[in-house]
C-alpha atoms as a PDB file:
ATOM      1  CA  MET A   1      53.136  54.043  89.689  1.00  0.00           C
ATOM      2  CA  THR A   2      56.250  56.139  89.161  1.00  0.00           C
ATOM      3  CA  ASN A   3      59.494  54.251  88.631  1.00  0.00           C
ATOM      4  CA  ASN A   4      61.860  57.212  89.032  1.00  0.00           C
ATOM      5  CA  LEU A   5      61.313  57.619  92.773  1.00  0.00           C
ATOM      6  CA  LEU A   6      64.382  58.041  94.956  1.00  0.00           C
ATOM      7  CA  PHE A   7      65.456  55.004  96.976  1.00  0.00           C
ATOM      8  CA  ASP A   8      68.811  55.094  98.741  1.00  0.00           C
ATOM      9  CA  PHE A   9      69.908  52.440 101.255  1.00  0.00           C
ATOM     10  CA  THR A  10      73.340  52.769 102.893  1.00  0.00           C
ATOM     11  CA  VAL A  11      74.886  50.673 105.678  1.00  0.00           C
ATOM     12  CA  ASP A  12      77.732  52.414 107.527  1.00  0.00           C
ATOM     13  CA  LYS A  13      79.420  49.866 109.796  1.00  0.00           C
ATOM     14  CA  ALA A  14      81.878  52.455 111.138  1.00  0.00           C
ATOM     15  CA  THR A  15      79.033  54.432 112.728  1.00  0.00           C
ATOM     16  CA  LYS A  16      76.718  51.391 113.266  1.00  0.00           C
ATOM     17  CA  THR A  17      74.085  53.270 111.268  1.00  0.00           C
ATOM     18  CA  VAL A  18      71.758  52.497 108.368  1.00  0.00           C
ATOM     19  CA  PHE A  19      70.586  55.444 106.252  1.00  0.00           C
ATOM     20  CA  ILE A  20      67.475  55.055 104.100  1.00  0.00           C
ATOM     21  CA  THR A  21      65.799  57.647 101.902  1.00  0.00           C
ATOM     22  CA  ARG A  22      62.682  56.727  99.943  1.00  0.00           C
ATOM     23  CA  GLU A  23      60.250  58.783  97.895  1.00  0.00           C
ATOM     24  CA  PHE A  24      56.596  57.901  97.426  1.00  0.00           C
ATOM     25  CA  ASP A  25      54.149  59.159  94.828  1.00  0.00           C
ATOM     26  CA  ALA A  26      51.595  60.030  97.517  1.00  0.00           C
ATOM     27  CA  GLU A  27      50.608  62.912  99.765  1.00  0.00           C
ATOM     28  CA  LEU A  28      52.506  63.359 103.021  1.00  0.00           C
ATOM     29  CA  SER A  29      49.481  62.776 105.280  1.00  0.00           C
ATOM     30  CA  LEU A  30      48.835  59.395 103.636  1.00  0.00           C
ATOM     31  CA  VAL A  31      52.474  58.297 103.977  1.00  0.00           C
ATOM     32  CA  TRP A  32      52.578  59.537 107.589  1.00  0.00           C
ATOM     33  CA  ASP A  33      49.463  57.480 108.378  1.00  0.00           C
ATOM     34  CA  ALA A  34      51.014  54.404 106.751  1.00  0.00           C
ATOM     35  CA  PHE A  35      53.981  54.653 109.153  1.00  0.00           C
ATOM     36  CA  THR A  36      51.984  55.537 112.281  1.00  0.00           C
ATOM     37  CA  THR A  37      48.759  53.499 112.142  1.00  0.00           C
ATOM     38  CA  ALA A  38      48.786  49.810 113.148  1.00  0.00           C
ATOM     39  CA  GLU A  39      46.125  48.774 110.629  1.00  0.00           C
ATOM     40  CA  LEU A  40      48.137  50.231 107.755  1.00  0.00           C
ATOM     41  CA  LEU A  41      51.555  49.110 109.077  1.00  0.00           C
ATOM     42  CA  ASP A  42      50.345  45.521 109.226  1.00  0.00           C
ATOM     43  CA  GLN A  43      49.422  45.678 105.530  1.00  0.00           C
ATOM     44  CA  TRP A  44      52.916  46.535 104.270  1.00  0.00           C
ATOM     45  CA  VAL A  45      55.729  46.309 106.807  1.00  0.00           C
ATOM     46  CA  ALA A  46      56.452  42.569 106.480  1.00  0.00           C
ATOM     47  CA  PRO A  47      58.210  41.287 103.354  1.00  0.00           C
ATOM     48  CA  LYS A  48      56.102  38.699 101.542  1.00  0.00           C
ATOM     49  CA  PRO A  49      55.376  35.865 102.279  1.00  0.00           C
ATOM     50  CA  TRP A  50      55.715  37.011 105.912  1.00  0.00           C
ATOM     51  CA  SER A  51      52.955  39.054 107.546  1.00  0.00           C
ATOM     52  CA  SER A  52      52.838  41.573 110.370  1.00  0.00           C
ATOM     53  CA  LYS A  53      50.593  41.297 113.409  1.00  0.00           C
ATOM     54  CA  THR A  54      50.331  44.196 115.854  1.00  0.00           C
ATOM     55  CA  LYS A  55      49.286  43.148 119.350  1.00  0.00           C
ATOM     56  CA  PHE A  56      49.013  46.781 120.489  1.00  0.00           C
ATOM     57  CA  MET A  57      50.119  50.226 119.405  1.00  0.00           C
ATOM     58  CA  ASP A  58      49.876  53.545 121.213  1.00  0.00           C
ATOM     59  CA  PHE A  59      51.430  56.172 118.933  1.00  0.00           C
ATOM     60  CA  LYS A  60      52.356  58.891 121.409  1.00  0.00           C
ATOM     61  CA  VAL A  61      55.535  59.946 123.185  1.00  0.00           C
ATOM     62  CA  GLY A  62      56.144  57.204 125.745  1.00  0.00           C
ATOM     63  CA  GLY A  63      53.762  54.885 123.877  1.00  0.00           C
ATOM     64  CA  ARG A  64      54.673  51.544 122.371  1.00  0.00           C
ATOM     65  CA  ARG A  65      53.995  49.183 119.502  1.00  0.00           C
ATOM     66  CA  PHE A  66      54.351  45.468 120.167  1.00  0.00           C
ATOM     67  CA  TYR A  67      54.176  43.354 117.030  1.00  0.00           C
ATOM     68  CA  ALA A  68      55.354  40.176 115.361  1.00  0.00           C
ATOM     69  CA  MET A  69      56.622  39.293 111.943  1.00  0.00           C
ATOM     70  CA  VAL A  70      54.888  35.997 111.187  1.00  0.00           C
ATOM     71  CA  SER A  71      56.374  33.416 108.818  1.00  0.00           C
ATOM     72  CA  PRO A  72      54.166  31.408 106.436  1.00  0.00           C
ATOM     73  CA  GLU A  73      54.587  28.492 108.878  1.00  0.00           C
ATOM     74  CA  GLY A  74      53.307  30.618 111.761  1.00  0.00           C
ATOM     75  CA  HIS A  75      56.693  31.313 113.444  1.00  0.00           C
ATOM     76  CA  GLU A  76      56.522  34.689 115.235  1.00  0.00           C
ATOM     77  CA  ARG A  77      59.479  37.076 115.585  1.00  0.00           C
ATOM     78  CA  TRP A  78      58.423  39.746 118.100  1.00  0.00           C
ATOM     79  CA  ALA A  79      59.669  43.319 118.432  1.00  0.00           C
ATOM     80  CA  ILE A  80      58.830  46.256 120.640  1.00  0.00           C
ATOM     81  CA  GLN A  81      59.033  49.913 119.687  1.00  0.00           C
ATOM     82  CA  LYS A  82      58.968  52.781 122.177  1.00  0.00           C
ATOM     83  CA  TYR A  83      58.139  56.218 120.781  1.00  0.00           C
ATOM     84  CA  THR A  84      60.519  58.844 122.152  1.00  0.00           C
ATOM     85  CA  SER A  85      59.621  61.930 120.088  1.00  0.00           C
ATOM     86  CA  ILE A  86      56.772  62.901 117.758  1.00  0.00           C
ATOM     87  CA  SER A  87      56.402  66.061 115.656  1.00  0.00           C
ATOM     88  CA  PRO A  88      53.187  65.398 113.707  1.00  0.00           C
ATOM     89  CA  LYS A  89      53.600  64.905 109.968  1.00  0.00           C
ATOM     90  CA  THR A  90      57.323  65.801 110.043  1.00  0.00           C
ATOM     91  CA  ASN A  91      59.282  63.492 112.361  1.00  0.00           C
ATOM     92  CA  PHE A  92      59.110  60.713 114.902  1.00  0.00           C
ATOM     93  CA  LYS A  93      61.744  58.767 116.783  1.00  0.00           C
ATOM     94  CA  MET A  94      61.575  55.396 118.454  1.00  0.00           C
ATOM     95  CA  PHE A  95      63.690  52.793 120.176  1.00  0.00           C
ATOM     96  CA  ASN A  96      63.320  49.343 118.602  1.00  0.00           C
ATOM     97  CA  ALA A  97      64.331  45.993 120.092  1.00  0.00           C
ATOM     98  CA  PHE A  98      63.630  42.378 119.328  1.00  0.00           C
ATOM     99  CA  ALA A  99      61.549  40.805 122.093  1.00  0.00           C
ATOM    100  CA  ASP A 100      60.020  37.550 123.224  1.00  0.00           C
ATOM    101  CA  LYS A 101      56.256  36.918 123.127  1.00  0.00           C
ATOM    102  CA  ASP A 102      55.972  38.282 126.689  1.00  0.00           C
ATOM    103  CA  GLU A 103      57.371  41.728 125.747  1.00  0.00           C
ATOM    104  CA  ASN A 104      60.817  41.166 127.272  1.00  0.00           C
ATOM    105  CA  PRO A 105      63.256  43.094 125.043  1.00  0.00           C
ATOM    106  CA  GLU A 106      66.444  41.530 123.703  1.00  0.00           C
ATOM    107  CA  LEU A 107      68.975  44.294 124.190  1.00  0.00           C
ATOM    108  CA  PRO A 108      70.843  46.018 122.699  1.00  0.00           C
ATOM    109  CA  GLY A 109      68.389  47.684 120.345  1.00  0.00           C
ATOM    110  CA  SER A 110      68.407  50.494 117.811  1.00  0.00           C
ATOM    111  CA  ASP A 111      67.235  54.106 117.607  1.00  0.00           C
ATOM    112  CA  TRP A 112      65.115  54.979 114.570  1.00  0.00           C
ATOM    113  CA  ASP A 113      64.632  58.551 113.371  1.00  0.00           C
ATOM    114  CA  TYR A 114      61.997  59.153 110.640  1.00  0.00           C
ATOM    115  CA  THR A 115      61.752  62.496 108.815  1.00  0.00           C
ATOM    116  CA  PHE A 116      58.932  63.252 106.355  1.00  0.00           C
ATOM    117  CA  SER A 117      58.789  66.007 103.732  1.00  0.00           C
ATOM    118  CA  GLU A 118      56.625  66.701 100.704  1.00  0.00           C
ATOM    119  CA  GLU A 119      57.384  68.420  97.432  1.00  0.00           C
ATOM    120  CA  ASN A 120      55.327  68.460  94.239  1.00  0.00           C
ATOM    121  CA  GLY A 121      52.943  65.774  95.496  1.00  0.00           C
ATOM    122  CA  LYS A 122      55.775  63.360  96.350  1.00  0.00           C
ATOM    123  CA  THR A 123      56.660  62.463  99.913  1.00  0.00           C
ATOM    124  CA  LYS A 124      60.228  61.755 100.969  1.00  0.00           C
ATOM    125  CA  VAL A 125      60.906  59.650 104.038  1.00  0.00           C
ATOM    126  CA  SER A 126      64.420  59.703 105.487  1.00  0.00           C
ATOM    127  CA  ILE A 127      65.186  57.052 108.086  1.00  0.00           C
ATOM    128  CA  THR A 128      68.309  56.841 110.207  1.00  0.00           C
ATOM    129  CA  ILE A 129      68.782  53.649 112.232  1.00  0.00           C
ATOM    130  CA  TYR A 130      71.517  53.837 114.850  1.00  0.00           C
ATOM    131  CA  ASN A 131      72.431  50.501 116.437  1.00  0.00           C
ATOM    132  CA  GLU A 132      73.797  50.319 119.960  1.00  0.00           C
ATOM    133  CA  SER A 133      76.229  47.641 118.849  1.00  0.00           C
ATOM    134  CA  LEU A 134      77.885  46.578 115.614  1.00  0.00           C
ATOM    135  CA  ALA A 135      77.018  42.959 116.462  1.00  0.00           C
ATOM    136  CA  ARG A 136      73.308  43.831 116.626  1.00  0.00           C
ATOM    137  CA  MET A 137      73.446  45.670 113.302  1.00  0.00           C
ATOM    138  CA  GLU A 138      75.259  42.752 111.684  1.00  0.00           C
ATOM    139  CA  LYS A 139      72.665  40.331 113.111  1.00  0.00           C
ATOM    140  CA  MET A 140      69.875  42.518 111.707  1.00  0.00           C
ATOM    141  CA  ILE A 141      71.556  42.544 108.264  1.00  0.00           C
ATOM    142  CA  GLU A 142      72.226  38.767 108.403  1.00  0.00           C
ATOM    143  CA  MET A 143      68.540  38.174 109.179  1.00  0.00           C
ATOM    144  CA  GLY A 144      67.734  39.721 105.794  1.00  0.00           C
ATOM    145  CA  PHE A 145      66.911  43.276 106.874  1.00  0.00           C
ATOM    146  CA  THR A 146      68.216  44.907 103.683  1.00  0.00           C
ATOM    147  CA  GLU A 147      66.243  42.718 101.283  1.00  0.00           C
ATOM    148  CA  GLY A 148      63.225  42.609 103.574  1.00  0.00           C
ATOM    149  CA  PHE A 149      63.122  46.380 103.991  1.00  0.00           C
ATOM    150  CA  LYS A 150      63.357  46.916 100.236  1.00  0.00           C
ATOM    151  CA  MET A 151      60.490  44.460  99.723  1.00  0.00           C
ATOM    152  CA  SER A 152      58.458  46.246 102.406  1.00  0.00           C
ATOM    153  CA  MET A 153      58.943  49.569 100.614  1.00  0.00           C
ATOM    154  CA  ILE A 154      57.479  48.020  97.452  1.00  0.00           C
ATOM    155  CA  ASN A 155      54.552  46.717  99.541  1.00  0.00           C
ATOM    156  CA  LEU A 156      54.035  50.245 100.871  1.00  0.00           C
ATOM    157  CA  GLU A 157      54.183  51.789  97.402  1.00  0.00           C
ATOM    158  CA  ASN A 158      51.548  49.297  96.221  1.00  0.00           C
ATOM    159  CA  LEU A 159      49.346  49.973  99.262  1.00  0.00           C
ATOM    160  CA  LEU A 160      49.579  53.750  98.825  1.00  0.00           C
ATOM    161  CA  ALA A 161      48.419  53.366  95.212  1.00  0.00           C
ATOM    162  CA  THR A 162      45.191  51.751  96.463  1.00  0.00           C
ATOM    163  CA  LEU A 163      44.375  54.251  99.205  1.00  0.00           C
ATOM    164  CA  PRO A 164      42.245  57.322  98.459  1.00  0.00           C
ATOM    165  CA  GLN A 165      44.306  60.496  98.304  1.00  0.00           C
ATOM    166  CA  PRO A 166      43.190  63.241 100.728  1.00  0.00           C
ATOM    167  CA  GLN A 167      40.989  65.945  99.204  1.00  0.00           C
ATOM    168  CA  GLN A 168      42.612  69.323  98.743  1.00  0.00           C
END
């Protein structure tokens, strides 16, 4: 595991935007799969001791992922993601909103923009999260998003270290 990987996390309340840049010591196709495949997402996206449970995911433009973050006590916090743009292995965008167990979104939500690039065997993921309202962004931060996201990135780094690298 490489400890000198870039990790930048900035909250800009003036623009209601969170900017995240994270490098991984893994090939781009592996990192892309980790962000776009339900089975892999569920292994890393929830900060421990929480877990992630995807009810369904259809990774295509117009498709959706409906999932829950599950507490150790079994409390479920549901969210729905709608994919709005996909450029394979380089970028995808989605609209994210908290939801109830019946898929009813709690608006307002946030727009997520993921950009992937690879250089010298390292993959950089840049994420921009634009919130429709400052109140929603503040609620997200108050719920522990910053710490939870950082923990999730460590989970992902650990998972990537266990996955076989694609053959050249």
